[in-house]
Every structure is written in structure tokens, then in C-alpha cells.
Amino acid sequence: MERFIQAVNIKNTLINVTDLEKEYFTPTREYERFYKLVDDGETDERLDTAADLLKELIHVSKNGFYDLGTKIDGLGDDLGGKIDQNRIEITSEIRSTRDDFKSHFDERIIMIEHDIAQIKAKIML
């Protein structure tokens, strides 16, 4: 019970518990759940969720992004693999295009050489 009391006696950037009332009784098992009591104008569940997220953000900003390192490293491996695969595909595509151009230019050169030979024959060179 003392650990529970210490856990709910929160004092930090977002929460400042100002009062805890404690009463000790013999357990009767008539209570099925635990809930907080709030005064008028205090937060509801959605704001509590936002506060939890803000606490996490504060933790990350104070302690750096160390936990994100493994996530980024994992992403890096996956991303690196995709980059390598794309590099291979692009290189293959460039080689194929180069071969197509080379074949086309070779045909054009043969045609030009043939035309030049015919012109030389007509002017008797």
C-alpha cells in the first residue's frame, strides 16, 4: 500500500499532487475498481492521455534519442537494401539502354559508310 501511495504522490512538470487522504480499513472486497477524483475544471481522460504523451516527449528531449537509435538502425538496414536493389536495377537499365543506343549507332554507321562508298563510286574516287 505504501508503494501505491508513493506512486500516486506525483510532483513533476505536468502533475502536482497537493493532497493525499489515507484511510486504512480491513478489506471488504466491495470495491471493484480504482479511479481518481477530480475537482471542477480538472482534466479528463483525453487530457490525461495527452499528458502521458507529453511526459514521453519530455523524457526523450531530456535523455536524447538513444531509444530511437535501434529503430533508425533497423530502418537503415531495410532502406540500405532497397537502395542497393534500386541501384542494381538502375545500372541494369542504363546498360540496356546503352546497348540499344550502341546497336542503333552501329547500324547508322554501317549505313553511312555504305552511302559514302556509293557516292565515291559514282564520282570515281
C-alpha atoms as a PDB file:
ATOM      1  CA  MET A   1       0.000   0.000   0.000  1.00  0.00           C
ATOM      2  CA  GLU A   2       2.871   2.377   0.779  1.00  0.00           C
ATOM      3  CA  ARG A   3       4.342   1.794  -2.703  1.00  0.00           C
ATOM      4  CA  PHE A   4       0.960   2.689  -4.196  1.00  0.00           C
ATOM      5  CA  ILE A   5       0.796   5.891  -2.161  1.00  0.00           C
ATOM      6  CA  GLN A   6       4.307   6.851  -3.288  1.00  0.00           C
ATOM      7  CA  ALA A   7       3.375   6.118  -6.904  1.00  0.00           C
ATOM      8  CA  VAL A   8       0.332   8.406  -6.900  1.00  0.00           C
ATOM      9  CA  ASN A   9       2.004  11.216  -4.947  1.00  0.00           C
ATOM     10  CA  ILE A  10       3.339  12.744  -8.177  1.00  0.00           C
ATOM     11  CA  LYS A  11       5.186  16.041  -8.344  1.00  0.00           C
ATOM     12  CA  ASN A  12       6.717  16.885 -11.720  1.00  0.00           C
ATOM     13  CA  THR A  13       6.376  19.273 -14.630  1.00  0.00           C
ATOM     14  CA  LEU A  14       2.877  18.110 -15.500  1.00  0.00           C
ATOM     15  CA  ILE A  15       1.367  16.828 -12.274  1.00  0.00           C
ATOM     16  CA  ASN A  16       1.479  18.212  -8.782  1.00  0.00           C
ATOM     17  CA  VAL A  17      -0.493  16.192  -6.250  1.00  0.00           C
ATOM     18  CA  THR A  18      -1.179  18.574  -3.413  1.00  0.00           C
ATOM     19  CA  ASP A  19      -3.114  16.333  -1.060  1.00  0.00           C
ATOM     20  CA  LEU A  20      -3.465  12.647  -0.334  1.00  0.00           C
ATOM     21  CA  GLU A  21      -6.017  11.388   2.122  1.00  0.00           C
ATOM     22  CA  LYS A  22      -5.321   7.953   3.555  1.00  0.00           C
ATOM     23  CA  GLU A  23      -7.660   5.780   5.484  1.00  0.00           C
ATOM     24  CA  TYR A  24      -6.875   2.183   6.340  1.00  0.00           C
ATOM     25  CA  PHE A  25      -9.660  -0.377   6.672  1.00  0.00           C
ATOM     26  CA  THR A  26      -9.968  -4.091   6.639  1.00  0.00           C
ATOM     27  CA  PRO A  27     -10.619  -5.133   3.006  1.00  0.00           C
ATOM     28  CA  THR A  28     -14.281  -5.882   2.352  1.00  0.00           C
ATOM     29  CA  ARG A  29     -13.994  -6.531  -1.434  1.00  0.00           C
ATOM     30  CA  GLU A  30     -16.940  -4.215  -2.075  1.00  0.00           C
ATOM     31  CA  TYR A  31     -14.892  -2.064  -4.475  1.00  0.00           C
ATOM     32  CA  GLU A  32     -14.360  -3.371  -7.983  1.00  0.00           C
ATOM     33  CA  ARG A  33     -12.098  -0.662  -9.347  1.00  0.00           C
ATOM     34  CA  PHE A  34      -9.899   2.288  -8.594  1.00  0.00           C
ATOM     35  CA  TYR A  35     -10.473   5.766 -10.028  1.00  0.00           C
ATOM     36  CA  LYS A  36      -9.357   9.286  -9.389  1.00  0.00           C
ATOM     37  CA  LEU A  37     -11.462  12.112  -8.086  1.00  0.00           C
ATOM     38  CA  VAL A  38     -11.045  15.497  -9.686  1.00  0.00           C
ATOM     39  CA  ASP A  39     -12.280  18.952  -8.795  1.00  0.00           C
ATOM     40  CA  ASP A  40     -14.231  21.139 -11.182  1.00  0.00           C
ATOM     41  CA  GLY A  41     -12.103  22.271 -14.123  1.00  0.00           C
ATOM     42  CA  GLU A  42      -9.572  19.463 -13.774  1.00  0.00           C
ATOM     43  CA  THR A  43      -8.595  17.181 -16.600  1.00  0.00           C
ATOM     44  CA  ASP A  44     -10.500  14.304 -18.106  1.00  0.00           C
ATOM     45  CA  GLU A  45      -9.233  11.108 -19.743  1.00  0.00           C
ATOM     46  CA  ARG A  46      -8.287  12.677 -23.121  1.00  0.00           C
ATOM     47  CA  LEU A  47      -6.136  15.284 -21.466  1.00  0.00           C
ATOM     48  CA  ASP A  48      -4.560  12.591 -19.308  1.00  0.00           C
ATOM     49  CA  THR A  49      -3.557  10.751 -22.486  1.00  0.00           C
ATOM     50  CA  ALA A  50      -2.090  13.961 -23.873  1.00  0.00           C
ATOM     51  CA  ALA A  51      -0.197  14.443 -20.608  1.00  0.00           C
ATOM     52  CA  ASP A  52       1.249  10.915 -20.905  1.00  0.00           C
ATOM     53  CA  LEU A  53       2.444  11.667 -24.430  1.00  0.00           C
ATOM     54  CA  LEU A  54       3.895  14.980 -23.310  1.00  0.00           C
ATOM     55  CA  LYS A  55       5.756  13.224 -20.478  1.00  0.00           C
ATOM     56  CA  GLU A  56       7.230  10.830 -23.032  1.00  0.00           C
ATOM     57  CA  LEU A  57       8.296  13.761 -25.208  1.00  0.00           C
ATOM     58  CA  ILE A  58       9.895  15.469 -22.218  1.00  0.00           C
ATOM     59  CA  HIS A  59      11.744  12.244 -21.407  1.00  0.00           C
ATOM     60  CA  VAL A  60      13.047  11.971 -24.970  1.00  0.00           C
ATOM     61  CA  SER A  61      14.113  15.610 -25.054  1.00  0.00           C
ATOM     62  CA  LYS A  62      15.951  15.295 -21.734  1.00  0.00           C
ATOM     63  CA  ASN A  63      17.548  11.920 -22.408  1.00  0.00           C
ATOM     64  CA  GLY A  64      18.185  12.239 -26.118  1.00  0.00           C
ATOM     65  CA  PHE A  65      17.076   9.921 -28.840  1.00  0.00           C
ATOM     66  CA  TYR A  66      19.003   6.867 -27.680  1.00  0.00           C
ATOM     67  CA  ASP A  67      15.969   4.583 -27.871  1.00  0.00           C
ATOM     68  CA  LEU A  68      15.353   5.684 -31.443  1.00  0.00           C
ATOM     69  CA  GLY A  69      18.841   4.572 -32.471  1.00  0.00           C
ATOM     70  CA  THR A  70      17.892   0.917 -32.803  1.00  0.00           C
ATOM     71  CA  LYS A  71      14.737   1.811 -34.685  1.00  0.00           C
ATOM     72  CA  ILE A  72      16.706   4.009 -37.082  1.00  0.00           C
ATOM     73  CA  ASP A  73      19.396   1.340 -37.425  1.00  0.00           C
ATOM     74  CA  GLY A  74      16.747  -1.195 -38.375  1.00  0.00           C
ATOM     75  CA  LEU A  75      15.259   1.247 -40.830  1.00  0.00           C
ATOM     76  CA  GLY A  76      18.731   1.884 -42.207  1.00  0.00           C
ATOM     77  CA  ASP A  77      19.224  -1.810 -42.959  1.00  0.00           C
ATOM     78  CA  ASP A  78      15.905  -2.024 -44.745  1.00  0.00           C
ATOM     79  CA  LEU A  79      16.437   1.260 -46.537  1.00  0.00           C
ATOM     80  CA  GLY A  80      20.004   0.301 -47.448  1.00  0.00           C
ATOM     81  CA  GLY A  81      18.747  -2.921 -49.001  1.00  0.00           C
ATOM     82  CA  LYS A  82      16.164  -1.049 -51.037  1.00  0.00           C
ATOM     83  CA  ILE A  83      18.755   1.471 -52.181  1.00  0.00           C
ATOM     84  CA  ASP A  84      21.110  -1.333 -53.235  1.00  0.00           C
ATOM     85  CA  GLN A  85      18.319  -3.088 -55.137  1.00  0.00           C
ATOM     86  CA  ASN A  86      17.331   0.147 -56.894  1.00  0.00           C
ATOM     87  CA  ARG A  87      20.989   0.837 -57.746  1.00  0.00           C
ATOM     88  CA  ILE A  88      21.252  -2.609 -59.365  1.00  0.00           C
ATOM     89  CA  GLU A  89      18.027  -2.087 -61.317  1.00  0.00           C
ATOM     90  CA  ILE A  90      19.057   1.401 -62.497  1.00  0.00           C
ATOM     91  CA  THR A  91      22.528   0.192 -63.504  1.00  0.00           C
ATOM     92  CA  SER A  92      20.978  -2.673 -65.450  1.00  0.00           C
ATOM     93  CA  GLU A  93      18.562  -0.299 -67.161  1.00  0.00           C
ATOM     94  CA  ILE A  94      21.381   2.087 -68.108  1.00  0.00           C
ATOM     95  CA  ARG A  95      23.450  -0.788 -69.542  1.00  0.00           C
ATOM     96  CA  SER A  96      20.470  -1.999 -71.538  1.00  0.00           C
ATOM     97  CA  THR A  97      19.795   1.494 -72.888  1.00  0.00           C
ATOM     98  CA  ARG A  98      23.477   1.939 -73.719  1.00  0.00           C
ATOM     99  CA  ASP A  99      23.494  -1.368 -75.598  1.00  0.00           C
ATOM    100  CA  ASP A 100      20.377  -0.298 -77.514  1.00  0.00           C
ATOM    101  CA  PHE A 101      21.998   3.023 -78.485  1.00  0.00           C
ATOM    102  CA  LYS A 102      25.260   1.299 -79.418  1.00  0.00           C
ATOM    103  CA  SER A 103      23.418  -1.141 -81.650  1.00  0.00           C
ATOM    104  CA  HIS A 104      21.458   1.714 -83.243  1.00  0.00           C
ATOM    105  CA  PHE A 105      24.616   3.809 -83.813  1.00  0.00           C
ATOM    106  CA  ASP A 106      26.472   0.799 -85.253  1.00  0.00           C
ATOM    107  CA  GLU A 107      23.660   0.296 -87.765  1.00  0.00           C
ATOM    108  CA  ARG A 108      23.676   4.011 -88.653  1.00  0.00           C
ATOM    109  CA  ILE A 109      27.474   3.999 -89.141  1.00  0.00           C
ATOM    110  CA  ILE A 110      27.236   0.966 -91.426  1.00  0.00           C
ATOM    111  CA  MET A 111      24.531   2.746 -93.456  1.00  0.00           C
ATOM    112  CA  ILE A 112      26.610   5.949 -93.641  1.00  0.00           C
ATOM    113  CA  GLU A 113      29.721   4.028 -94.689  1.00  0.00           C
ATOM    114  CA  HIS A 114      27.665   2.248 -97.381  1.00  0.00           C
ATOM    115  CA  ASP A 115      26.274   5.582 -98.615  1.00  0.00           C
ATOM    116  CA  ILE A 116      29.768   7.111 -98.691  1.00  0.00           C
ATOM    117  CA  ALA A 117      31.063   4.104-100.648  1.00  0.00           C
ATOM    118  CA  GLN A 118      28.259   4.554-103.204  1.00  0.00           C
ATOM    119  CA  ILE A 119      28.973   8.281-103.509  1.00  0.00           C
ATOM    120  CA  LYS A 120      32.712   7.577-104.035  1.00  0.00           C
ATOM    121  CA  ALA A 121      31.865   5.004-106.689  1.00  0.00           C
ATOM    122  CA  LYS A 122      29.677   7.494-108.562  1.00  0.00           C
ATOM    123  CA  ILE A 123      32.308  10.235-108.518  1.00  0.00           C
ATOM    124  CA  MET A 124      35.024   7.679-109.192  1.00  0.00           C
ATOM    125  CA  LEU A 125      37.260   8.126-106.231  1.00  0.00           C
END
